[in-house]
Amino acid sequence: MQRAALAGIVLLLGFATACAGPRQSDLSSQGLNRGPLLPPTPVEGWEFLATAADAGNGVWVAGQPSAADLRRFAADGGSLVVCLRTPEEMDDRARVPFDEAALVGELGMEYLHLPLGGDDYPYTPDAVEALAEALALHDGRALLHCTVAWRASHLWTAYLVRYQGMPLSDAWEWGLAINLGELPVEGLLGGRLSPRIVPVAAEPLGTDTP
């Protein structure tokens, strides 16, 4: 009997992931090493609506910043703001009472709108690559944000795996330290899962041969 085995990537208890090793591209020589990679530490004294953390490497991961936060961030050496909220979210003045893109530009910082969420803005490796390219072009501090740092912490975790070569288990823990959140099955099982990359063998149907 001939059996074909496919290499796959899964998380502990069968959660699938498409994470890969560090990308081999021009980015490797364009300043990805922006500073030491250190475990995230809380940022205090700001007006962020949710968790804000210094994620190391010159990057802050946070929820929606206020206009005052952005002014202070620029004054403290910020050079890049990456927003993951959708256009519908950012155009809703009940949610965001100012034009973030315009303000960031007025403050002399670069603005990257990289919406994630919903059918129109799926989570794909392209988002991770876009973040890596932006970070490679900016030596100053960068702010990566969404609404409550959930999407941002997931993107940061993926970036650590794909572009910094960090093991998924370590990157996952760093993401949890920001606002990666709890998987529903963790609540149902009464404990936290630890992701692990393991090989899986899969047999295509109808491969039995003499």
Protein backbone atom coordinates (compact mmCIF):
# COMPACT_ATOMS: atom_id res chain seq x y z
CA MET A 1 0.00 0.00 0.00
CA GLN A 2 1.33 3.38 -0.96
CA ARG A 3 0.57 6.22 1.39
CA ALA A 4 1.20 9.88 0.62
CA ALA A 5 1.98 12.08 3.60
CA LEU A 6 1.39 15.81 3.56
CA ALA A 7 3.28 18.11 5.91
CA GLY A 8 0.95 20.35 7.91
CA ILE A 9 1.11 22.81 10.74
CA VAL A 10 -1.32 22.56 13.64
CA LEU A 11 -1.65 23.88 17.14
CA LEU A 12 -2.00 21.69 20.20
CA LEU A 13 -5.41 19.98 20.21
CA GLY A 14 -5.75 20.45 16.50
CA PHE A 15 -5.91 24.21 16.03
CA ALA A 16 -4.64 25.03 12.52
CA THR A 17 -2.16 27.75 11.74
CA ALA A 18 -0.35 28.98 8.68
CA CYS A 19 2.66 30.33 10.52
CA ALA A 20 6.00 29.85 8.89
CA GLY A 21 9.61 30.55 9.72
CA PRO A 22 11.24 33.94 9.22
CA ARG A 23 10.79 35.27 5.71
CA GLN A 24 13.87 35.26 3.52
CA SER A 25 13.51 38.49 1.59
CA ASP A 26 15.00 41.92 1.17
CA LEU A 27 13.41 42.84 4.51
CA SER A 28 16.15 40.92 6.30
CA SER A 29 18.59 43.73 5.50
CA GLN A 30 16.24 46.68 5.80
CA GLY A 31 16.27 47.39 9.50
CA LEU A 32 13.97 44.72 10.95
CA ASN A 33 16.25 44.66 13.97
CA ARG A 34 14.88 47.94 15.28
CA GLY A 35 15.88 47.23 18.84
CA PRO A 36 15.94 44.44 21.41
CA LEU A 37 13.03 42.04 21.44
CA LEU A 38 11.75 42.11 25.00
CA PRO A 39 8.58 40.72 26.59
CA PRO A 40 5.71 43.24 26.46
CA THR A 41 5.38 45.61 29.38
CA PRO A 42 2.29 47.72 30.22
CA VAL A 43 2.17 51.34 29.14
CA GLU A 44 0.56 53.55 31.74
CA GLY A 45 -0.50 57.17 31.98
CA TRP A 46 -2.05 57.40 28.52
CA GLU A 47 -5.67 57.63 27.38
CA PHE A 48 -5.78 54.40 25.38
CA LEU A 49 -9.23 52.84 25.62
CA ALA A 50 -7.77 49.40 26.23
CA THR A 51 -4.55 47.54 26.81
CA ALA A 52 -1.40 49.29 25.69
CA ALA A 53 1.97 47.58 25.83
CA ASP A 54 5.54 48.28 24.88
CA ALA A 55 6.09 45.19 22.73
CA GLY A 56 9.81 45.70 22.33
CA ASN A 57 11.59 46.38 19.05
CA GLY A 58 10.42 49.99 19.25
CA VAL A 59 6.76 49.04 18.80
CA TRP A 60 3.76 49.79 20.97
CA VAL A 61 0.61 47.68 20.61
CA ALA A 62 -2.58 49.30 21.83
CA GLY A 63 -6.25 50.02 21.55
CA GLN A 64 -7.62 53.14 19.88
CA PRO A 65 -5.47 56.15 20.82
CA SER A 66 -6.99 59.53 21.57
CA ALA A 67 -5.92 62.68 19.73
CA ALA A 68 -3.95 63.66 22.84
CA ASP A 69 -2.20 60.27 22.81
CA LEU A 70 -1.14 60.74 19.20
CA ARG A 71 0.25 64.21 19.88
CA ARG A 72 2.21 62.89 22.85
CA PHE A 73 3.40 59.86 20.88
CA ALA A 74 4.72 62.10 18.10
CA ALA A 75 6.45 64.37 20.63
CA ASP A 76 8.10 61.30 22.20
CA GLY A 77 9.69 60.22 18.93
CA GLY A 78 6.89 58.34 17.22
CA SER A 79 7.25 58.04 13.46
CA LEU A 80 4.67 55.46 12.37
CA VAL A 81 1.04 54.70 13.22
CA VAL A 82 -0.50 51.49 11.90
CA CYS A 83 -4.29 51.28 12.20
CA LEU A 84 -6.04 47.92 11.84
CA ARG A 85 -9.61 49.18 12.24
CA THR A 86 -11.89 49.07 9.21
CA PRO A 87 -12.85 52.23 7.28
CA GLU A 88 -16.38 51.94 8.69
CA GLU A 89 -14.99 52.03 12.20
CA MET A 90 -12.64 54.92 11.56
CA ASP A 91 -15.28 57.00 9.75
CA ASP A 92 -17.75 56.65 12.64
CA ARG A 93 -17.26 59.84 14.65
CA ALA A 94 -19.16 58.33 17.56
CA ARG A 95 -16.34 55.81 17.82
CA VAL A 96 -13.40 57.91 16.71
CA PRO A 97 -14.18 61.63 17.20
CA PHE A 98 -11.35 62.89 14.98
CA ASP A 99 -9.73 62.18 11.63
CA GLU A 100 -6.84 59.98 12.68
CA ALA A 101 -5.08 59.86 9.32
CA ALA A 102 -5.15 63.64 8.99
CA LEU A 103 -3.91 64.22 12.53
CA VAL A 104 -1.08 61.72 12.15
CA GLY A 105 0.00 63.50 8.97
CA GLU A 106 -0.15 66.90 10.64
CA LEU A 107 2.10 65.57 13.39
CA GLY A 108 4.72 64.51 10.83
CA MET A 109 4.24 60.79 11.26
CA GLU A 110 3.58 58.14 8.64
CA TYR A 111 0.11 56.59 8.63
CA LEU A 112 -0.57 53.06 7.43
CA HIS A 113 -4.18 51.94 7.29
CA LEU A 114 -4.18 48.16 7.26
CA PRO A 115 -7.81 47.18 7.98
CA LEU A 116 -8.48 43.71 9.34
CA GLY A 117 -11.80 42.07 10.15
CA GLY A 118 -14.86 40.80 8.31
CA ASP A 119 -15.26 39.41 4.82
CA ASP A 120 -13.92 42.57 3.17
CA TYR A 121 -10.69 42.64 5.18
CA PRO A 122 -9.58 39.05 5.86
CA TYR A 123 -6.64 37.98 7.95
CA THR A 124 -3.92 37.00 5.49
CA PRO A 125 -0.10 36.78 5.34
CA ASP A 126 -0.19 39.95 3.23
CA ALA A 127 -1.04 41.94 6.36
CA VAL A 128 1.99 40.59 8.17
CA GLU A 129 4.22 41.43 5.21
CA ALA A 130 2.81 44.97 5.01
CA LEU A 131 3.56 45.51 8.70
CA ALA A 132 7.09 44.15 8.31
CA GLU A 133 7.77 46.42 5.34
CA ALA A 134 6.51 49.47 7.22
CA LEU A 135 8.60 48.68 10.30
CA ALA A 136 11.66 48.16 8.13
CA LEU A 137 11.33 51.67 6.72
CA HIS A 138 10.94 53.48 10.05
CA ASP A 139 13.61 53.74 12.70
CA GLY A 140 11.44 55.69 15.13
CA ARG A 141 8.82 54.34 17.46
CA ALA A 142 5.77 52.71 15.91
CA LEU A 143 2.23 52.40 17.24
CA LEU A 144 0.19 49.38 16.12
CA HIS A 145 -3.45 49.67 17.15
CA CYS A 146 -6.99 48.48 16.63
CA THR A 147 -9.93 49.00 19.00
CA VAL A 148 -8.85 47.11 22.12
CA ALA A 149 -5.47 45.69 21.02
CA TRP A 150 -6.97 42.29 20.08
CA ARG A 151 -6.37 42.39 16.33
CA ALA A 152 -3.11 44.22 16.93
CA SER A 153 -1.79 41.58 19.32
CA HIS A 154 -2.62 38.82 16.83
CA LEU A 155 -0.82 40.64 14.02
CA TRP A 156 2.17 41.30 16.26
CA THR A 157 2.30 37.62 17.24
CA ALA A 158 2.31 36.59 13.58
CA TYR A 159 5.03 39.14 12.82
CA LEU A 160 7.24 37.75 15.57
CA VAL A 161 6.94 34.26 14.10
CA ARG A 162 7.27 35.09 10.42
CA TYR A 163 9.81 37.91 10.49
CA GLN A 164 11.68 37.52 13.77
CA GLY A 165 11.96 33.74 13.77
CA MET A 166 10.39 33.40 17.20
CA PRO A 167 8.89 30.01 18.08
CA LEU A 168 5.11 30.13 17.97
CA SER A 169 4.84 29.09 21.60
CA ASP A 170 6.94 32.07 22.73
CA ALA A 171 5.22 34.53 20.39
CA TRP A 172 1.86 33.29 21.62
CA GLU A 173 2.81 34.01 25.22
CA TRP A 174 3.94 37.52 24.28
CA GLY A 175 0.65 38.07 22.48
CA LEU A 176 -1.26 36.92 25.54
CA ALA A 177 0.65 39.48 27.59
CA ILE A 178 -0.95 42.19 25.44
CA ASN A 179 -4.52 41.22 24.53
CA LEU A 180 -4.47 38.06 22.43
CA GLY A 181 -7.54 36.94 24.32
CA GLU A 182 -8.93 33.61 25.39
CA LEU A 183 -10.05 30.94 22.97
CA PRO A 184 -13.62 29.76 23.70
CA VAL A 185 -12.43 26.18 24.09
CA GLU A 186 -10.08 27.32 26.86
CA GLY A 187 -13.02 28.49 28.91
CA LEU A 188 -14.88 25.27 28.23
CA LEU A 189 -11.89 23.19 29.29
CA GLY A 190 -11.10 25.41 32.27
CA GLY A 191 -7.49 26.02 31.32
CA ARG A 192 -5.22 27.77 28.87
CA LEU A 193 -3.84 25.97 25.85
CA SER A 194 -0.20 26.20 24.86
CA PRO A 195 0.34 26.27 21.10
CA ARG A 196 2.88 23.91 19.66
CA ILE A 197 3.94 23.35 16.08
CA VAL A 198 3.84 19.62 15.28
CA PRO A 199 3.88 17.71 12.00
CA VAL A 200 0.72 15.99 10.85
CA ALA A 201 0.36 13.22 8.33
CA ALA A 202 -2.65 13.26 6.06
CA GLU A 203 -3.67 10.53 3.62
CA PRO A 204 -5.55 11.49 0.45
CA LEU A 205 -8.65 9.44 -0.20
CA GLY A 206 -8.38 6.51 -2.60
CA THR A 207 -4.63 5.94 -2.40
CA ASP A 208 -4.76 2.21 -1.70
CA THR A 209 -2.87 0.36 -4.44
CA PRO A 210 -1.56 -3.19 -4.70
